[in-house]
Amino acid sequence: MPRNAPGNRQTTMPGGETAAHPRMDLVHLLRSVAVDLDLRAAAFATENRLHPTDVRALIAMLDAERAAESMTPGRLGARLHLNSPATTAVIDRLEALGLLARERDPHDRRRVLLIVSEQAKTLGWSFFGPLIGRILAAMDEFDETDLDAYERVLRAVAQALPAAK
């Protein structure tokens, strides 16, 4: 079987050794999807004159919003693995572009909350909406049992990522 053929369950490691596992093809496919999504995020950043870290910051803030979690500069920096000055620079850039706002926490006036603007959401949907639509249409081909298994796999992979450092 050719080295990169579908179903090849081996990968070449540094030093020329090969690693075999029955699910290596899925690992490679997941990596390929991750690379493609990253390239789309980079294209979005370029098209909108954003730094790639700005896009990651917006995604982190939107994820927090969907999870009903507040986002603070400290949490954003931790999520993006940025120091305080770099986090402030990202926030300043996004605020200057009207893509986020800083607001005082109504429960603790000492805390600053980061809020993604409607402008940012509209901008994101205009670019990523068609892709999301195609992904959802592709998922329509699967039943709930398949989708539940897919979700469990992705959650397990997500949990494994921090341990992979």
N, C-alpha and C. Protein backbone atom coordinates (compact mmCIF):
# COMPACT_ATOMS: atom_id res chain seq x y z
N MET A 1 0.86 -1.18 0.00
CA MET A 1 0.00 0.00 0.00
C MET A 1 0.90 1.23 0.00
N PRO A 2 0.60 2.25 -0.83
CA PRO A 2 1.41 3.47 -0.84
C PRO A 2 1.44 4.11 0.55
N ARG A 3 2.51 4.81 0.81
CA ARG A 3 2.75 5.40 2.12
C ARG A 3 1.58 6.26 2.61
N ASN A 4 1.00 7.08 1.77
CA ASN A 4 -0.06 7.99 2.19
C ASN A 4 -1.44 7.55 1.74
N ALA A 5 -1.58 6.29 1.36
CA ALA A 5 -2.87 5.80 0.89
C ALA A 5 -3.86 5.73 2.04
N PRO A 6 -5.15 5.96 1.74
CA PRO A 6 -6.16 5.81 2.78
C PRO A 6 -6.08 4.42 3.39
N GLY A 7 -6.23 4.36 4.69
CA GLY A 7 -6.19 3.08 5.37
C GLY A 7 -4.80 2.68 5.83
N ASN A 8 -3.76 3.42 5.41
CA ASN A 8 -2.42 3.12 5.89
C ASN A 8 -2.38 3.46 7.37
N ARG A 9 -2.11 2.51 8.17
CA ARG A 9 -2.17 2.69 9.61
C ARG A 9 -0.78 2.77 10.22
N GLN A 10 0.19 3.19 9.44
CA GLN A 10 1.54 3.37 9.94
C GLN A 10 1.98 4.79 9.67
N THR A 11 2.86 5.26 10.50
CA THR A 11 3.44 6.57 10.28
C THR A 11 4.93 6.45 10.55
N THR A 12 5.70 7.21 9.81
CA THR A 12 7.14 7.19 10.00
C THR A 12 7.52 8.23 11.04
N MET A 13 8.28 7.79 12.02
CA MET A 13 8.70 8.66 13.11
C MET A 13 10.15 9.09 12.85
N PRO A 14 10.63 10.10 13.58
CA PRO A 14 12.04 10.49 13.42
C PRO A 14 12.93 9.27 13.64
N GLY A 15 13.96 9.16 12.83
CA GLY A 15 14.85 8.01 12.91
C GLY A 15 14.44 6.90 11.98
N GLY A 16 13.28 7.06 11.30
CA GLY A 16 12.86 6.07 10.32
C GLY A 16 12.01 4.95 10.87
N GLU A 17 11.80 4.88 12.21
CA GLU A 17 10.94 3.83 12.74
C GLU A 17 9.51 4.09 12.32
N THR A 18 8.72 3.04 12.29
CA THR A 18 7.31 3.22 11.97
C THR A 18 6.48 2.89 13.21
N ALA A 19 5.37 3.59 13.33
CA ALA A 19 4.42 3.33 14.41
C ALA A 19 3.14 2.81 13.78
N ALA A 20 2.68 1.68 14.26
CA ALA A 20 1.45 1.10 13.73
C ALA A 20 0.39 1.09 14.81
N HIS A 21 -0.80 1.47 14.43
CA HIS A 21 -1.95 1.43 15.34
C HIS A 21 -3.18 1.35 14.46
N PRO A 22 -4.19 0.60 14.87
CA PRO A 22 -5.37 0.44 14.02
C PRO A 22 -6.10 1.74 13.70
N ARG A 23 -5.87 2.81 14.45
CA ARG A 23 -6.58 4.07 14.21
C ARG A 23 -5.67 5.18 13.70
N MET A 24 -4.47 4.84 13.25
CA MET A 24 -3.55 5.87 12.76
C MET A 24 -4.14 6.65 11.60
N ASP A 25 -4.92 5.99 10.74
CA ASP A 25 -5.53 6.70 9.62
C ASP A 25 -6.49 7.78 10.11
N LEU A 26 -7.18 7.54 11.22
CA LEU A 26 -8.07 8.56 11.77
C LEU A 26 -7.28 9.72 12.36
N VAL A 27 -6.14 9.42 12.97
CA VAL A 27 -5.29 10.49 13.51
C VAL A 27 -4.83 11.39 12.37
N HIS A 28 -4.41 10.79 11.26
CA HIS A 28 -3.95 11.58 10.11
C HIS A 28 -5.10 12.38 9.50
N LEU A 29 -6.28 11.80 9.44
CA LEU A 29 -7.44 12.52 8.90
C LEU A 29 -7.81 13.69 9.81
N LEU A 30 -7.80 13.47 11.11
CA LEU A 30 -8.09 14.55 12.05
C LEU A 30 -7.06 15.67 11.90
N ARG A 31 -5.80 15.31 11.77
CA ARG A 31 -4.76 16.32 11.57
C ARG A 31 -5.00 17.10 10.28
N SER A 32 -5.38 16.41 9.23
CA SER A 32 -5.65 17.06 7.95
C SER A 32 -6.81 18.05 8.06
N VAL A 33 -7.87 17.65 8.76
CA VAL A 33 -9.01 18.55 8.96
C VAL A 33 -8.58 19.76 9.79
N ALA A 34 -7.78 19.52 10.82
CA ALA A 34 -7.30 20.63 11.66
C ALA A 34 -6.47 21.61 10.84
N VAL A 35 -5.61 21.09 9.98
CA VAL A 35 -4.79 21.96 9.12
C VAL A 35 -5.68 22.76 8.18
N ASP A 36 -6.66 22.11 7.57
CA ASP A 36 -7.57 22.82 6.66
C ASP A 36 -8.36 23.92 7.39
N LEU A 37 -8.84 23.63 8.58
CA LEU A 37 -9.56 24.64 9.35
C LEU A 37 -8.63 25.79 9.74
N ASP A 38 -7.40 25.47 10.08
CA ASP A 38 -6.43 26.52 10.42
C ASP A 38 -6.15 27.40 9.21
N LEU A 39 -6.05 26.79 8.03
CA LEU A 39 -5.82 27.58 6.82
C LEU A 39 -7.00 28.51 6.54
N ARG A 40 -8.21 28.04 6.79
CA ARG A 40 -9.39 28.91 6.61
C ARG A 40 -9.38 30.06 7.61
N ALA A 41 -8.98 29.76 8.84
CA ALA A 41 -8.88 30.82 9.85
C ALA A 41 -7.81 31.83 9.45
N ALA A 42 -6.70 31.36 8.89
CA ALA A 42 -5.65 32.26 8.43
C ALA A 42 -6.14 33.13 7.27
N ALA A 43 -6.93 32.54 6.38
CA ALA A 43 -7.48 33.32 5.26
C ALA A 43 -8.44 34.39 5.79
N PHE A 44 -9.25 34.03 6.78
CA PHE A 44 -10.16 34.99 7.41
C PHE A 44 -9.35 36.13 8.03
N ALA A 45 -8.28 35.77 8.74
CA ALA A 45 -7.43 36.79 9.37
C ALA A 45 -6.85 37.72 8.31
N THR A 46 -6.29 37.16 7.26
CA THR A 46 -5.68 37.97 6.20
C THR A 46 -6.71 38.88 5.55
N GLU A 47 -7.87 38.31 5.21
CA GLU A 47 -8.92 39.08 4.54
C GLU A 47 -9.41 40.25 5.40
N ASN A 48 -9.36 40.07 6.71
CA ASN A 48 -9.88 41.10 7.61
C ASN A 48 -8.78 41.86 8.36
N ARG A 49 -7.55 41.69 7.87
CA ARG A 49 -6.39 42.38 8.44
C ARG A 49 -6.25 42.17 9.94
N LEU A 50 -6.43 40.91 10.32
CA LEU A 50 -6.28 40.50 11.71
C LEU A 50 -5.03 39.65 11.86
N HIS A 51 -4.49 39.62 13.04
CA HIS A 51 -3.41 38.70 13.36
C HIS A 51 -4.05 37.34 13.65
N PRO A 52 -3.39 36.23 13.32
CA PRO A 52 -3.99 34.93 13.64
C PRO A 52 -4.37 34.78 15.13
N THR A 53 -3.58 35.39 16.01
CA THR A 53 -3.92 35.34 17.43
C THR A 53 -5.21 36.08 17.72
N ASP A 54 -5.51 37.13 16.95
CA ASP A 54 -6.77 37.85 17.12
C ASP A 54 -7.95 36.92 16.83
N VAL A 55 -7.81 36.11 15.80
CA VAL A 55 -8.88 35.18 15.44
C VAL A 55 -9.04 34.13 16.54
N ARG A 56 -7.92 33.61 17.04
CA ARG A 56 -8.01 32.63 18.13
C ARG A 56 -8.67 33.25 19.36
N ALA A 57 -8.37 34.53 19.61
CA ALA A 57 -8.98 35.22 20.76
C ALA A 57 -10.49 35.34 20.56
N LEU A 58 -10.92 35.72 19.37
CA LEU A 58 -12.36 35.82 19.11
C LEU A 58 -13.05 34.47 19.28
N ILE A 59 -12.41 33.42 18.78
CA ILE A 59 -12.98 32.07 18.92
C ILE A 59 -13.08 31.69 20.40
N ALA A 60 -12.04 31.97 21.16
CA ALA A 60 -12.05 31.65 22.60
C ALA A 60 -13.18 32.40 23.31
N MET A 61 -13.37 33.66 22.94
CA MET A 61 -14.42 34.44 23.57
C MET A 61 -15.81 33.94 23.16
N LEU A 62 -15.97 33.57 21.91
CA LEU A 62 -17.26 33.03 21.46
C LEU A 62 -17.54 31.69 22.13
N ASP A 63 -16.51 30.86 22.27
CA ASP A 63 -16.69 29.57 22.96
C ASP A 63 -17.12 29.80 24.40
N ALA A 64 -16.51 30.78 25.07
CA ALA A 64 -16.88 31.09 26.45
C ALA A 64 -18.33 31.58 26.50
N GLU A 65 -18.70 32.43 25.57
CA GLU A 65 -20.07 32.94 25.53
C GLU A 65 -21.08 31.80 25.37
N ARG A 66 -20.78 30.86 24.45
CA ARG A 66 -21.68 29.73 24.23
C ARG A 66 -21.80 28.86 25.47
N ALA A 67 -20.72 28.79 26.25
CA ALA A 67 -20.72 27.99 27.48
C ALA A 67 -21.25 28.78 28.68
N ALA A 68 -21.72 30.00 28.43
CA ALA A 68 -22.23 30.89 29.48
C ALA A 68 -21.17 31.16 30.54
N GLU A 69 -19.92 31.29 30.09
CA GLU A 69 -18.80 31.63 30.98
C GLU A 69 -18.37 33.05 30.68
N SER A 70 -18.01 33.77 31.71
CA SER A 70 -17.49 35.12 31.48
C SER A 70 -16.04 35.00 31.02
N MET A 71 -15.62 35.97 30.21
CA MET A 71 -14.23 36.00 29.73
C MET A 71 -13.58 37.27 30.25
N THR A 72 -12.46 37.08 30.91
CA THR A 72 -11.68 38.20 31.42
C THR A 72 -10.35 38.21 30.68
N PRO A 73 -9.61 39.30 30.75
CA PRO A 73 -8.28 39.31 30.13
C PRO A 73 -7.39 38.18 30.65
N GLY A 74 -7.43 37.92 31.94
CA GLY A 74 -6.61 36.85 32.50
C GLY A 74 -6.97 35.48 31.94
N ARG A 75 -8.27 35.21 31.85
CA ARG A 75 -8.72 33.92 31.29
C ARG A 75 -8.35 33.81 29.81
N LEU A 76 -8.50 34.92 29.08
CA LEU A 76 -8.14 34.90 27.67
C LEU A 76 -6.65 34.61 27.50
N GLY A 77 -5.83 35.30 28.27
CA GLY A 77 -4.39 35.06 28.19
C GLY A 77 -4.04 33.62 28.51
N ALA A 78 -4.66 33.06 29.53
CA ALA A 78 -4.40 31.67 29.90
C ALA A 78 -4.84 30.72 28.78
N ARG A 79 -6.00 30.99 28.20
CA ARG A 79 -6.51 30.12 27.15
C ARG A 79 -5.61 30.15 25.91
N LEU A 80 -5.03 31.32 25.61
CA LEU A 80 -4.18 31.47 24.43
C LEU A 80 -2.70 31.30 24.74
N HIS A 81 -2.37 31.05 26.00
CA HIS A 81 -0.97 30.90 26.43
C HIS A 81 -0.16 32.17 26.13
N LEU A 82 -0.75 33.32 26.47
CA LEU A 82 -0.10 34.61 26.25
C LEU A 82 0.22 35.25 27.59
N ASN A 83 1.29 36.03 27.62
CA ASN A 83 1.58 36.80 28.82
C ASN A 83 0.67 38.03 28.84
N SER A 84 0.70 38.76 29.94
CA SER A 84 -0.20 39.89 30.13
C SER A 84 -0.03 40.97 29.06
N PRO A 85 1.20 41.41 28.73
CA PRO A 85 1.33 42.44 27.69
C PRO A 85 0.80 41.99 26.32
N ALA A 86 1.04 40.73 25.96
CA ALA A 86 0.56 40.23 24.67
C ALA A 86 -0.97 40.15 24.67
N THR A 87 -1.55 39.73 25.79
CA THR A 87 -3.01 39.67 25.90
C THR A 87 -3.61 41.07 25.75
N THR A 88 -2.99 42.04 26.42
CA THR A 88 -3.48 43.42 26.32
C THR A 88 -3.40 43.92 24.89
N ALA A 89 -2.32 43.58 24.18
CA ALA A 89 -2.17 44.01 22.79
C ALA A 89 -3.28 43.42 21.91
N VAL A 90 -3.62 42.15 22.12
CA VAL A 90 -4.70 41.52 21.35
C VAL A 90 -6.02 42.22 21.65
N ILE A 91 -6.30 42.43 22.92
CA ILE A 91 -7.55 43.07 23.32
C ILE A 91 -7.62 44.49 22.75
N ASP A 92 -6.52 45.23 22.83
CA ASP A 92 -6.50 46.60 22.29
C ASP A 92 -6.78 46.60 20.79
N ARG A 93 -6.16 45.67 20.05
CA ARG A 93 -6.39 45.60 18.59
C ARG A 93 -7.85 45.31 18.29
N LEU A 94 -8.41 44.32 18.96
CA LEU A 94 -9.79 43.93 18.70
C LEU A 94 -10.78 45.01 19.12
N GLU A 95 -10.49 45.69 20.20
CA GLU A 95 -11.35 46.79 20.64
C GLU A 95 -11.30 47.94 19.65
N ALA A 96 -10.10 48.27 19.16
CA ALA A 96 -9.96 49.36 18.20
C ALA A 96 -10.72 49.08 16.91
N LEU A 97 -10.84 47.80 16.56
CA LEU A 97 -11.57 47.41 15.35
C LEU A 97 -13.08 47.27 15.60
N GLY A 98 -13.49 47.44 16.84
CA GLY A 98 -14.91 47.31 17.16
C GLY A 98 -15.38 45.87 17.27
N LEU A 99 -14.44 44.93 17.45
CA LEU A 99 -14.80 43.52 17.49
C LEU A 99 -15.03 43.00 18.91
N LEU A 100 -14.62 43.77 19.91
CA LEU A 100 -14.92 43.42 21.28
C LEU A 100 -15.01 44.69 22.11
N ALA A 101 -15.62 44.53 23.27
CA ALA A 101 -15.73 45.65 24.21
C ALA A 101 -15.30 45.16 25.58
N ARG A 102 -14.74 46.08 26.33
CA ARG A 102 -14.43 45.82 27.74
C ARG A 102 -15.58 46.39 28.56
N GLU A 103 -16.08 45.59 29.49
CA GLU A 103 -17.15 46.05 30.37
C GLU A 103 -16.81 45.66 31.80
N ARG A 104 -17.21 46.49 32.73
CA ARG A 104 -17.04 46.16 34.15
C ARG A 104 -18.03 45.05 34.51
N ASP A 105 -17.55 44.09 35.29
CA ASP A 105 -18.40 43.02 35.79
C ASP A 105 -19.42 43.65 36.75
N PRO A 106 -20.72 43.49 36.50
CA PRO A 106 -21.72 44.11 37.38
C PRO A 106 -21.70 43.54 38.80
N HIS A 107 -21.13 42.35 38.98
CA HIS A 107 -21.07 41.72 40.31
C HIS A 107 -19.78 42.03 41.04
N ASP A 108 -18.76 42.44 40.30
CA ASP A 108 -17.46 42.77 40.89
C ASP A 108 -16.83 43.84 40.02
N ARG A 109 -17.03 45.09 40.38
CA ARG A 109 -16.60 46.22 39.56
C ARG A 109 -15.09 46.26 39.33
N ARG A 110 -14.32 45.48 40.08
CA ARG A 110 -12.87 45.45 39.86
C ARG A 110 -12.50 44.61 38.64
N ARG A 111 -13.39 43.70 38.24
CA ARG A 111 -13.12 42.80 37.11
C ARG A 111 -13.59 43.42 35.80
N VAL A 112 -12.82 43.15 34.77
CA VAL A 112 -13.19 43.57 33.42
C VAL A 112 -13.61 42.33 32.64
N LEU A 113 -14.76 42.42 31.99
CA LEU A 113 -15.26 41.35 31.14
C LEU A 113 -15.04 41.73 29.68
N LEU A 114 -14.74 40.74 28.87
CA LEU A 114 -14.56 40.94 27.43
C LEU A 114 -15.81 40.43 26.73
N ILE A 115 -16.40 41.28 25.91
CA ILE A 115 -17.65 40.96 25.22
C ILE A 115 -17.41 41.05 23.71
N VAL A 116 -17.72 39.98 23.00
CA VAL A 116 -17.60 39.98 21.54
C VAL A 116 -18.74 40.82 20.97
N SER A 117 -18.41 41.70 20.04
CA SER A 117 -19.44 42.59 19.46
C SER A 117 -20.28 41.85 18.42
N GLU A 118 -21.45 42.40 18.17
CA GLU A 118 -22.30 41.86 17.10
C GLU A 118 -21.60 42.00 15.75
N GLN A 119 -20.82 43.06 15.59
CA GLN A 119 -20.05 43.25 14.36
C GLN A 119 -19.11 42.07 14.12
N ALA A 120 -18.44 41.61 15.18
CA ALA A 120 -17.53 40.47 15.05
C ALA A 120 -18.30 39.20 14.68
N LYS A 121 -19.45 39.00 15.29
CA LYS A 121 -20.25 37.81 14.99
C LYS A 121 -20.74 37.84 13.55
N THR A 122 -21.18 39.00 13.09
CA THR A 122 -21.63 39.13 11.71
C THR A 122 -20.49 38.88 10.74
N LEU A 123 -19.34 39.43 11.04
CA LEU A 123 -18.16 39.24 10.20
C LEU A 123 -17.79 37.76 10.13
N GLY A 124 -17.77 37.10 11.28
CA GLY A 124 -17.44 35.68 11.32
C GLY A 124 -18.42 34.83 10.54
N TRP A 125 -19.72 35.12 10.72
CA TRP A 125 -20.74 34.33 10.01
C TRP A 125 -20.67 34.56 8.51
N SER A 126 -20.33 35.77 8.10
CA SER A 126 -20.26 36.03 6.66
C SER A 126 -19.16 35.19 6.01
N PHE A 127 -18.11 34.91 6.75
CA PHE A 127 -17.00 34.13 6.21
C PHE A 127 -17.18 32.63 6.46
N PHE A 128 -17.48 32.26 7.71
CA PHE A 128 -17.53 30.85 8.09
C PHE A 128 -18.92 30.22 7.96
N GLY A 129 -19.96 31.04 7.83
CA GLY A 129 -21.32 30.51 7.73
C GLY A 129 -21.49 29.48 6.62
N PRO A 130 -21.04 29.78 5.39
CA PRO A 130 -21.19 28.77 4.33
C PRO A 130 -20.46 27.46 4.64
N LEU A 131 -19.28 27.55 5.24
CA LEU A 131 -18.54 26.33 5.62
C LEU A 131 -19.32 25.56 6.69
N ILE A 132 -19.82 26.26 7.68
CA ILE A 132 -20.60 25.60 8.73
C ILE A 132 -21.83 24.94 8.12
N GLY A 133 -22.47 25.60 7.18
CA GLY A 133 -23.62 25.01 6.50
C GLY A 133 -23.26 23.72 5.78
N ARG A 134 -22.11 23.71 5.10
CA ARG A 134 -21.67 22.49 4.40
C ARG A 134 -21.35 21.37 5.39
N ILE A 135 -20.74 21.72 6.51
CA ILE A 135 -20.42 20.71 7.52
C ILE A 135 -21.71 20.12 8.09
N LEU A 136 -22.68 20.99 8.41
CA LEU A 136 -23.95 20.49 8.95
C LEU A 136 -24.67 19.62 7.92
N ALA A 137 -24.63 20.01 6.65
CA ALA A 137 -25.25 19.19 5.62
C ALA A 137 -24.57 17.83 5.51
N ALA A 138 -23.24 17.81 5.63
CA ALA A 138 -22.52 16.54 5.60
C ALA A 138 -22.92 15.66 6.78
N MET A 139 -23.16 16.26 7.93
CA MET A 139 -23.56 15.49 9.11
C MET A 139 -24.97 14.94 8.98
N ASP A 140 -25.80 15.54 8.12
CA ASP A 140 -27.15 15.04 7.91
C ASP A 140 -27.15 13.62 7.35
N GLU A 141 -26.03 13.19 6.81
CA GLU A 141 -25.91 11.84 6.25
C GLU A 141 -25.80 10.76 7.33
N PHE A 142 -25.65 11.18 8.59
CA PHE A 142 -25.40 10.23 9.68
C PHE A 142 -26.57 10.23 10.65
N ASP A 143 -26.79 9.07 11.27
CA ASP A 143 -27.86 9.01 12.28
C ASP A 143 -27.31 9.46 13.64
N GLU A 144 -28.22 9.57 14.60
CA GLU A 144 -27.84 10.07 15.92
C GLU A 144 -26.80 9.19 16.60
N THR A 145 -26.87 7.89 16.39
CA THR A 145 -25.90 6.98 17.00
C THR A 145 -24.50 7.28 16.48
N ASP A 146 -24.39 7.47 15.16
CA ASP A 146 -23.09 7.81 14.56
C ASP A 146 -22.59 9.16 15.09
N LEU A 147 -23.47 10.14 15.15
CA LEU A 147 -23.07 11.47 15.60
C LEU A 147 -22.70 11.47 17.08
N ASP A 148 -23.39 10.67 17.89
CA ASP A 148 -23.02 10.56 19.30
C ASP A 148 -21.62 9.95 19.44
N ALA A 149 -21.33 8.94 18.63
CA ALA A 149 -19.99 8.33 18.67
C ALA A 149 -18.93 9.34 18.22
N TYR A 150 -19.24 10.08 17.18
CA TYR A 150 -18.33 11.12 16.67
C TYR A 150 -18.04 12.15 17.76
N GLU A 151 -19.09 12.56 18.46
CA GLU A 151 -18.91 13.54 19.53
C GLU A 151 -18.04 12.97 20.65
N ARG A 152 -18.26 11.71 21.02
CA ARG A 152 -17.43 11.09 22.07
C ARG A 152 -15.97 11.01 21.65
N VAL A 153 -15.72 10.68 20.39
CA VAL A 153 -14.34 10.62 19.89
C VAL A 153 -13.70 12.00 19.96
N LEU A 154 -14.39 13.02 19.47
CA LEU A 154 -13.81 14.36 19.48
C LEU A 154 -13.58 14.86 20.90
N ARG A 155 -14.48 14.56 21.82
CA ARG A 155 -14.28 14.96 23.22
C ARG A 155 -13.07 14.25 23.82
N ALA A 156 -12.90 12.98 23.51
CA ALA A 156 -11.74 12.23 24.01
C ALA A 156 -10.44 12.80 23.44
N VAL A 157 -10.45 13.15 22.15
CA VAL A 157 -9.28 13.75 21.53
C VAL A 157 -8.99 15.11 22.18
N ALA A 158 -10.03 15.92 22.39
CA ALA A 158 -9.84 17.22 23.02
C ALA A 158 -9.24 17.08 24.42
N GLN A 159 -9.67 16.07 25.16
CA GLN A 159 -9.13 15.84 26.50
C GLN A 159 -7.69 15.36 26.45
N ALA A 160 -7.32 14.66 25.37
CA ALA A 160 -5.96 14.15 25.25
C ALA A 160 -4.97 15.24 24.87
N LEU A 161 -5.44 16.33 24.25
CA LEU A 161 -4.53 17.36 23.76
C LEU A 161 -3.70 18.03 24.86
N PRO A 162 -4.28 18.45 25.97
CA PRO A 162 -3.42 19.09 27.00
C PRO A 162 -2.33 18.15 27.52
N ALA A 163 -2.59 16.85 27.55
CA ALA A 163 -1.60 15.89 28.04
C ALA A 163 -0.49 15.63 27.02
N ALA A 164 -0.69 16.10 25.78
CA ALA A 164 0.28 15.82 24.72
C ALA A 164 1.46 16.78 24.72
N LYS A 165 1.53 17.71 25.66
CA LYS A 165 2.61 18.69 25.68
C LYS A 165 3.96 18.04 25.90
